[in-house]
N, C-alpha and C. Protein backbone atom coordinates (compact mmCIF):
# COMPACT_ATOMS: atom_id res chain seq x y z
N MET A 1 -136.04 60.93 -131.85
CA MET A 1 -137.29 60.45 -131.32
C MET A 1 -137.53 61.09 -129.95
N ARG A 2 -138.70 61.65 -129.79
CA ARG A 2 -139.08 62.23 -128.51
C ARG A 2 -139.60 61.14 -127.58
N ILE A 3 -139.41 61.37 -126.30
CA ILE A 3 -139.91 60.47 -125.27
C ILE A 3 -140.85 61.28 -124.38
N MET A 4 -141.95 60.68 -124.01
CA MET A 4 -142.93 61.34 -123.13
C MET A 4 -142.77 60.79 -121.72
N GLY A 5 -142.86 61.67 -120.74
CA GLY A 5 -142.85 61.28 -119.33
C GLY A 5 -144.19 61.60 -118.71
N LEU A 6 -144.69 60.70 -117.87
CA LEU A 6 -145.98 60.91 -117.22
C LEU A 6 -145.86 60.72 -115.71
N ASP A 7 -146.47 61.63 -114.97
CA ASP A 7 -146.62 61.50 -113.53
C ASP A 7 -148.11 61.32 -113.28
N LEU A 8 -148.51 60.08 -113.02
CA LEU A 8 -149.93 59.75 -112.87
C LEU A 8 -150.39 59.96 -111.44
N GLY A 9 -151.47 60.70 -111.30
CA GLY A 9 -152.09 60.90 -109.99
C GLY A 9 -153.56 60.58 -110.07
N GLU A 10 -154.22 60.58 -108.93
CA GLU A 10 -155.66 60.29 -108.89
C GLU A 10 -156.47 61.34 -109.66
N LYS A 11 -156.07 62.61 -109.53
CA LYS A 11 -156.84 63.70 -110.12
C LYS A 11 -156.16 64.37 -111.31
N ARG A 12 -154.83 64.30 -111.35
CA ARG A 12 -154.09 65.00 -112.40
C ARG A 12 -152.98 64.10 -112.95
N ILE A 13 -152.66 64.33 -114.22
CA ILE A 13 -151.57 63.62 -114.88
C ILE A 13 -150.61 64.67 -115.41
N GLY A 14 -149.39 64.65 -114.89
CA GLY A 14 -148.36 65.56 -115.39
C GLY A 14 -147.75 64.97 -116.65
N VAL A 15 -147.56 65.82 -117.66
CA VAL A 15 -147.02 65.37 -118.95
C VAL A 15 -145.76 66.17 -119.27
N ALA A 16 -144.72 65.47 -119.69
CA ALA A 16 -143.48 66.10 -120.13
C ALA A 16 -143.03 65.41 -121.41
N VAL A 17 -142.27 66.11 -122.23
CA VAL A 17 -141.68 65.50 -123.42
C VAL A 17 -140.21 65.89 -123.49
N SER A 18 -139.46 65.04 -124.16
CA SER A 18 -138.04 65.34 -124.37
C SER A 18 -137.87 66.15 -125.64
N ASP A 19 -136.67 66.71 -125.79
CA ASP A 19 -136.33 67.32 -127.07
C ASP A 19 -136.14 66.18 -128.08
N PRO A 20 -136.07 66.48 -129.38
CA PRO A 20 -135.96 65.41 -130.38
C PRO A 20 -134.72 64.51 -130.21
N MET A 21 -133.66 65.05 -129.60
CA MET A 21 -132.44 64.25 -129.40
C MET A 21 -132.52 63.37 -128.14
N GLY A 22 -133.53 63.61 -127.31
CA GLY A 22 -133.67 62.81 -126.10
C GLY A 22 -132.69 63.19 -125.01
N TRP A 23 -132.31 64.47 -124.93
CA TRP A 23 -131.36 64.93 -123.92
C TRP A 23 -132.02 65.64 -122.75
N THR A 24 -133.04 66.46 -123.04
CA THR A 24 -133.65 67.25 -121.97
C THR A 24 -135.16 67.07 -121.94
N ALA A 25 -135.70 67.17 -120.74
CA ALA A 25 -137.15 67.04 -120.54
C ALA A 25 -137.76 68.41 -120.28
N GLN A 26 -138.94 68.60 -120.80
CA GLN A 26 -139.67 69.86 -120.60
C GLN A 26 -141.09 69.53 -120.16
N GLY A 27 -141.53 70.12 -119.03
CA GLY A 27 -142.92 69.95 -118.61
C GLY A 27 -143.84 70.54 -119.65
N LEU A 28 -144.91 69.85 -119.98
CA LEU A 28 -145.76 70.27 -121.08
C LEU A 28 -147.15 70.71 -120.62
N GLU A 29 -147.84 69.84 -119.91
CA GLU A 29 -149.20 70.16 -119.49
C GLU A 29 -149.63 69.27 -118.35
N VAL A 30 -150.75 69.63 -117.76
CA VAL A 30 -151.38 68.81 -116.73
C VAL A 30 -152.76 68.43 -117.26
N ILE A 31 -153.00 67.14 -117.32
CA ILE A 31 -154.30 66.62 -117.75
C ILE A 31 -155.14 66.43 -116.49
N ILE A 32 -156.30 67.04 -116.46
CA ILE A 32 -157.22 66.81 -115.34
C ILE A 32 -157.92 65.48 -115.64
N SER A 33 -157.67 64.50 -114.78
CA SER A 33 -158.20 63.16 -115.01
C SER A 33 -159.72 63.16 -114.99
N LYS A 34 -160.29 62.48 -115.95
CA LYS A 34 -161.75 62.40 -116.07
C LYS A 34 -162.31 61.24 -115.24
N GLY A 35 -161.44 60.51 -114.55
CA GLY A 35 -161.90 59.36 -113.79
C GLY A 35 -162.05 58.12 -114.66
N SER A 36 -161.78 58.28 -115.95
CA SER A 36 -161.86 57.17 -116.89
C SER A 36 -160.51 57.05 -117.57
N SER A 37 -159.89 55.88 -117.43
CA SER A 37 -158.57 55.73 -118.02
C SER A 37 -158.62 55.89 -119.54
N MET A 38 -159.73 55.53 -120.16
CA MET A 38 -159.82 55.66 -121.62
C MET A 38 -159.84 57.13 -122.05
N ALA A 39 -160.52 57.99 -121.29
CA ALA A 39 -160.53 59.42 -121.61
C ALA A 39 -159.14 60.00 -121.42
N ASP A 40 -158.45 59.58 -120.36
CA ASP A 40 -157.09 60.06 -120.11
C ASP A 40 -156.15 59.57 -121.22
N ILE A 41 -156.28 58.32 -121.60
CA ILE A 41 -155.44 57.76 -122.66
C ILE A 41 -155.68 58.49 -123.97
N LYS A 42 -156.93 58.86 -124.24
CA LYS A 42 -157.24 59.59 -125.47
C LYS A 42 -156.43 60.88 -125.56
N ARG A 43 -156.39 61.65 -124.46
CA ARG A 43 -155.63 62.91 -124.47
C ARG A 43 -154.13 62.65 -124.57
N ILE A 44 -153.64 61.64 -123.86
CA ILE A 44 -152.22 61.30 -123.94
C ILE A 44 -151.86 60.91 -125.37
N LYS A 45 -152.75 60.17 -126.02
CA LYS A 45 -152.53 59.76 -127.41
C LYS A 45 -152.44 60.97 -128.34
N GLU A 46 -153.31 61.96 -128.12
CA GLU A 46 -153.27 63.19 -128.93
C GLU A 46 -151.92 63.90 -128.77
N VAL A 47 -151.45 64.01 -127.54
CA VAL A 47 -150.17 64.68 -127.28
C VAL A 47 -149.03 63.87 -127.90
N ALA A 48 -149.07 62.55 -127.75
CA ALA A 48 -148.03 61.69 -128.31
C ALA A 48 -147.95 61.84 -129.83
N ARG A 49 -149.10 61.93 -130.46
CA ARG A 49 -149.13 62.10 -131.91
C ARG A 49 -148.58 63.47 -132.31
N GLU A 50 -149.02 64.51 -131.59
CA GLU A 50 -148.60 65.88 -131.89
C GLU A 50 -147.08 66.05 -131.78
N TYR A 51 -146.48 65.42 -130.78
CA TYR A 51 -145.04 65.57 -130.55
C TYR A 51 -144.21 64.43 -131.13
N GLU A 52 -144.85 63.55 -131.87
CA GLU A 52 -144.16 62.42 -132.52
C GLU A 52 -143.33 61.62 -131.52
N VAL A 53 -144.01 61.22 -130.46
CA VAL A 53 -143.38 60.46 -129.38
C VAL A 53 -143.16 59.02 -129.83
N GLY A 54 -142.01 58.45 -129.48
CA GLY A 54 -141.70 57.08 -129.84
C GLY A 54 -141.63 56.13 -128.65
N ARG A 55 -141.72 56.69 -127.45
CA ARG A 55 -141.62 55.89 -126.22
C ARG A 55 -142.23 56.70 -125.09
N VAL A 56 -142.77 56.01 -124.09
CA VAL A 56 -143.38 56.68 -122.94
C VAL A 56 -142.76 56.12 -121.66
N VAL A 57 -142.47 57.01 -120.73
CA VAL A 57 -141.96 56.63 -119.41
C VAL A 57 -143.00 57.06 -118.38
N VAL A 58 -143.44 56.12 -117.57
CA VAL A 58 -144.46 56.38 -116.56
C VAL A 58 -143.83 56.23 -115.17
N GLY A 59 -144.04 57.22 -114.33
CA GLY A 59 -143.52 57.16 -112.97
C GLY A 59 -144.20 56.06 -112.18
N LEU A 60 -143.40 55.21 -111.53
CA LEU A 60 -143.92 54.11 -110.71
C LEU A 60 -143.67 54.44 -109.25
N PRO A 61 -144.73 54.56 -108.46
CA PRO A 61 -144.54 54.90 -107.05
C PRO A 61 -143.93 53.74 -106.27
N LYS A 62 -142.84 54.06 -105.58
CA LYS A 62 -142.18 53.07 -104.72
C LYS A 62 -141.98 53.67 -103.34
N ASN A 63 -141.95 52.80 -102.35
CA ASN A 63 -141.62 53.22 -101.00
C ASN A 63 -140.12 53.44 -100.91
N MET A 64 -139.68 54.08 -99.84
CA MET A 64 -138.25 54.37 -99.70
C MET A 64 -137.39 53.11 -99.66
N ASP A 65 -137.96 51.98 -99.24
CA ASP A 65 -137.19 50.73 -99.21
C ASP A 65 -137.19 50.02 -100.57
N GLY A 66 -137.81 50.64 -101.58
CA GLY A 66 -137.83 50.06 -102.93
C GLY A 66 -139.03 49.18 -103.22
N SER A 67 -139.83 48.89 -102.22
CA SER A 67 -141.02 48.07 -102.45
C SER A 67 -142.08 48.90 -103.17
N PRO A 68 -142.99 48.23 -103.88
CA PRO A 68 -144.03 48.96 -104.62
C PRO A 68 -144.90 49.80 -103.69
N GLY A 69 -145.23 51.00 -104.13
CA GLY A 69 -146.12 51.88 -103.37
C GLY A 69 -147.57 51.46 -103.52
N LEU A 70 -148.44 52.16 -102.83
CA LEU A 70 -149.87 51.82 -102.82
C LEU A 70 -150.50 51.84 -104.20
N GLN A 71 -150.12 52.75 -105.05
CA GLN A 71 -150.73 52.91 -106.37
C GLN A 71 -150.03 52.10 -107.46
N ALA A 72 -148.99 51.35 -107.11
CA ALA A 72 -148.16 50.68 -108.12
C ALA A 72 -148.95 49.77 -109.06
N GLU A 73 -149.85 48.97 -108.52
CA GLU A 73 -150.61 48.04 -109.38
C GLU A 73 -151.51 48.79 -110.36
N LYS A 74 -152.15 49.86 -109.89
CA LYS A 74 -152.98 50.67 -110.79
C LYS A 74 -152.14 51.28 -111.91
N ILE A 75 -150.96 51.74 -111.55
CA ILE A 75 -150.06 52.36 -112.54
C ILE A 75 -149.63 51.32 -113.57
N LYS A 76 -149.29 50.13 -113.11
CA LYS A 76 -148.87 49.06 -114.03
C LYS A 76 -150.00 48.70 -114.99
N THR A 77 -151.21 48.60 -114.48
CA THR A 77 -152.36 48.29 -115.33
C THR A 77 -152.58 49.39 -116.36
N PHE A 78 -152.54 50.64 -115.91
CA PHE A 78 -152.71 51.78 -116.81
C PHE A 78 -151.61 51.79 -117.87
N ALA A 79 -150.37 51.52 -117.47
CA ALA A 79 -149.25 51.51 -118.42
C ALA A 79 -149.45 50.46 -119.50
N GLY A 80 -149.97 49.30 -119.13
CA GLY A 80 -150.26 48.25 -120.12
C GLY A 80 -151.32 48.69 -121.11
N ARG A 81 -152.39 49.29 -120.61
CA ARG A 81 -153.44 49.80 -121.49
C ARG A 81 -152.91 50.90 -122.41
N LEU A 82 -152.08 51.76 -121.84
CA LEU A 82 -151.52 52.86 -122.62
C LEU A 82 -150.63 52.34 -123.75
N SER A 83 -149.81 51.35 -123.46
CA SER A 83 -148.95 50.76 -124.47
C SER A 83 -149.76 50.17 -125.62
N GLU A 84 -150.84 49.47 -125.28
CA GLU A 84 -151.71 48.90 -126.31
C GLU A 84 -152.37 49.99 -127.15
N ALA A 85 -152.87 51.02 -126.50
CA ALA A 85 -153.57 52.09 -127.20
C ALA A 85 -152.65 52.90 -128.11
N LEU A 86 -151.42 53.13 -127.65
CA LEU A 86 -150.47 53.94 -128.43
C LEU A 86 -149.68 53.11 -129.43
N GLY A 87 -149.56 51.82 -129.17
CA GLY A 87 -148.70 51.00 -130.01
C GLY A 87 -147.23 51.37 -129.83
N LEU A 88 -146.90 51.82 -128.61
CA LEU A 88 -145.53 52.25 -128.30
C LEU A 88 -145.05 51.54 -127.03
N PRO A 89 -143.73 51.43 -126.89
CA PRO A 89 -143.23 50.88 -125.63
C PRO A 89 -143.49 51.86 -124.49
N VAL A 90 -143.91 51.32 -123.36
CA VAL A 90 -144.13 52.11 -122.15
C VAL A 90 -143.27 51.50 -121.05
N GLU A 91 -142.38 52.31 -120.49
CA GLU A 91 -141.50 51.84 -119.43
C GLU A 91 -141.90 52.46 -118.11
N LEU A 92 -141.74 51.70 -117.05
CA LEU A 92 -142.00 52.21 -115.70
C LEU A 92 -140.69 52.70 -115.11
N TRP A 93 -140.75 53.84 -114.42
CA TRP A 93 -139.54 54.46 -113.87
C TRP A 93 -139.79 54.89 -112.43
N ASP A 94 -138.87 54.58 -111.57
CA ASP A 94 -138.98 54.92 -110.15
C ASP A 94 -139.20 56.42 -109.97
N GLU A 95 -140.31 56.77 -109.33
CA GLU A 95 -140.62 58.19 -109.16
C GLU A 95 -140.43 58.68 -107.73
N ARG A 96 -139.70 57.91 -106.92
CA ARG A 96 -139.51 58.32 -105.52
C ARG A 96 -138.99 59.75 -105.41
N LEU A 97 -139.65 60.52 -104.60
CA LEU A 97 -139.27 61.89 -104.24
C LEU A 97 -139.35 62.91 -105.37
N THR A 98 -139.89 62.56 -106.53
CA THR A 98 -139.95 63.55 -107.61
C THR A 98 -140.90 64.70 -107.28
N THR A 99 -142.02 64.41 -106.65
CA THR A 99 -142.95 65.49 -106.30
C THR A 99 -142.34 66.37 -105.22
N VAL A 100 -141.61 65.77 -104.29
CA VAL A 100 -140.92 66.55 -103.25
C VAL A 100 -139.88 67.46 -103.90
N ALA A 101 -139.10 66.91 -104.84
CA ALA A 101 -138.08 67.71 -105.53
C ALA A 101 -138.72 68.82 -106.34
N ALA A 102 -139.83 68.52 -107.01
CA ALA A 102 -140.53 69.53 -107.80
C ALA A 102 -141.03 70.65 -106.90
N GLU A 103 -141.61 70.29 -105.77
CA GLU A 103 -142.11 71.29 -104.81
C GLU A 103 -140.97 72.20 -104.34
N LYS A 104 -139.84 71.60 -104.04
CA LYS A 104 -138.68 72.37 -103.57
C LYS A 104 -138.21 73.35 -104.64
N LEU A 105 -138.11 72.89 -105.87
CA LEU A 105 -137.69 73.77 -106.97
C LEU A 105 -138.66 74.93 -107.16
N LEU A 106 -139.94 74.65 -107.06
CA LEU A 106 -140.95 75.69 -107.26
C LEU A 106 -140.96 76.69 -106.11
N ILE A 107 -140.70 76.23 -104.91
CA ILE A 107 -140.59 77.14 -103.77
C ILE A 107 -139.37 78.03 -103.94
N GLU A 108 -138.24 77.42 -104.35
CA GLU A 108 -137.03 78.20 -104.59
C GLU A 108 -137.23 79.24 -105.69
N ALA A 109 -138.10 78.93 -106.64
CA ALA A 109 -138.40 79.87 -107.72
C ALA A 109 -139.41 80.94 -107.26
N ASP A 110 -139.81 80.85 -106.00
CA ASP A 110 -140.71 81.83 -105.38
C ASP A 110 -142.09 81.87 -106.03
N LEU A 111 -142.59 80.71 -106.44
CA LEU A 111 -143.94 80.65 -106.98
C LEU A 111 -144.95 80.58 -105.84
N SER A 112 -146.06 81.22 -106.03
CA SER A 112 -147.12 81.19 -105.02
C SER A 112 -147.67 79.77 -104.90
N ARG A 113 -148.31 79.50 -103.79
CA ARG A 113 -148.89 78.16 -103.57
C ARG A 113 -149.88 77.82 -104.68
N ALA A 114 -150.70 78.78 -105.09
CA ALA A 114 -151.69 78.53 -106.15
C ALA A 114 -151.00 78.20 -107.46
N ARG A 115 -149.95 78.93 -107.80
CA ARG A 115 -149.22 78.67 -109.05
C ARG A 115 -148.51 77.31 -108.99
N ARG A 116 -147.93 76.99 -107.82
CA ARG A 116 -147.25 75.70 -107.66
C ARG A 116 -148.23 74.56 -107.90
N ARG A 117 -149.43 74.69 -107.36
CA ARG A 117 -150.45 73.64 -107.50
C ARG A 117 -150.75 73.38 -108.98
N LYS A 118 -150.71 74.42 -109.79
CA LYS A 118 -151.03 74.28 -111.22
C LYS A 118 -149.92 73.60 -112.02
N VAL A 119 -148.67 73.74 -111.57
CA VAL A 119 -147.56 73.24 -112.40
C VAL A 119 -146.78 72.08 -111.80
N ILE A 120 -147.05 71.73 -110.54
CA ILE A 120 -146.22 70.73 -109.88
C ILE A 120 -146.25 69.38 -110.59
N ASP A 121 -147.39 68.99 -111.14
CA ASP A 121 -147.49 67.67 -111.78
C ASP A 121 -146.67 67.59 -113.06
N LYS A 122 -146.67 68.65 -113.87
CA LYS A 122 -145.85 68.60 -115.08
C LYS A 122 -144.37 68.74 -114.73
N MET A 123 -144.05 69.43 -113.63
CA MET A 123 -142.67 69.50 -113.18
C MET A 123 -142.20 68.13 -112.69
N ALA A 124 -143.05 67.42 -111.96
CA ALA A 124 -142.71 66.06 -111.51
C ALA A 124 -142.53 65.14 -112.71
N ALA A 125 -143.38 65.27 -113.73
CA ALA A 125 -143.24 64.46 -114.95
C ALA A 125 -141.91 64.76 -115.62
N ALA A 126 -141.51 66.04 -115.65
CA ALA A 126 -140.23 66.41 -116.26
C ALA A 126 -139.07 65.82 -115.47
N LEU A 127 -139.16 65.80 -114.14
CA LEU A 127 -138.10 65.21 -113.33
C LEU A 127 -138.01 63.70 -113.53
N ILE A 128 -139.15 63.03 -113.63
CA ILE A 128 -139.17 61.59 -113.92
C ILE A 128 -138.48 61.34 -115.26
N LEU A 129 -138.90 62.08 -116.27
CA LEU A 129 -138.35 61.90 -117.61
C LEU A 129 -136.87 62.24 -117.65
N GLN A 130 -136.45 63.33 -117.00
CA GLN A 130 -135.04 63.70 -117.02
C GLN A 130 -134.18 62.63 -116.35
N GLY A 131 -134.67 62.05 -115.27
CA GLY A 131 -133.94 60.95 -114.63
C GLY A 131 -133.75 59.78 -115.59
N TYR A 132 -134.80 59.46 -116.32
CA TYR A 132 -134.73 58.39 -117.32
C TYR A 132 -133.74 58.73 -118.43
N LEU A 133 -133.82 59.96 -118.94
CA LEU A 133 -132.92 60.38 -120.02
C LEU A 133 -131.47 60.37 -119.57
N ASP A 134 -131.21 60.84 -118.36
CA ASP A 134 -129.84 60.85 -117.83
C ASP A 134 -129.32 59.43 -117.69
N TYR A 135 -130.15 58.52 -117.22
CA TYR A 135 -129.76 57.12 -117.08
C TYR A 135 -129.42 56.53 -118.45
N ARG A 136 -130.29 56.79 -119.42
CA ARG A 136 -130.04 56.29 -120.79
C ARG A 136 -128.74 56.83 -121.35
N GLY A 137 -128.49 58.12 -121.10
CA GLY A 137 -127.26 58.75 -121.60
C GLY A 137 -126.02 58.12 -121.01
N ARG A 138 -126.06 57.80 -119.71
CA ARG A 138 -124.91 57.16 -119.06
C ARG A 138 -124.73 55.74 -119.54
N LYS A 139 -125.85 55.07 -119.83
CA LYS A 139 -125.82 53.67 -120.25
C LYS A 139 -125.25 53.50 -121.66
N GLN A 140 -125.45 54.51 -122.50
CA GLN A 140 -125.03 54.37 -123.90
C GLN A 140 -123.58 54.64 -124.11
């Protein structure tokens, strides 16, 4: 069963999927948000169907002290709607520093600023998902 990871932002949604065994995460695409959660959910649903996703992990913004970040309530609401629309479990996962880590990796890979801007969201989604997969692997 594949698992999908999402990094939700105001303007872009990073999408990643796991391999069928659920061991590794791969950045897939960046959805340009239409400003309507239903339009965004429609595209996520298409990707979930195409990759035969059985579970979704959504990055939850938290402050460094572990308290919910500014966007946390919006993310929780969106995750609930997404779960209903997909008929799949949607889990929230701490996304602290994933965008920072993604930026660092992309700089180390010597990508131009313009190229980094295009891929950072799907890289952050892959890091969120990989953290979840690693945790699951240790837990089992």
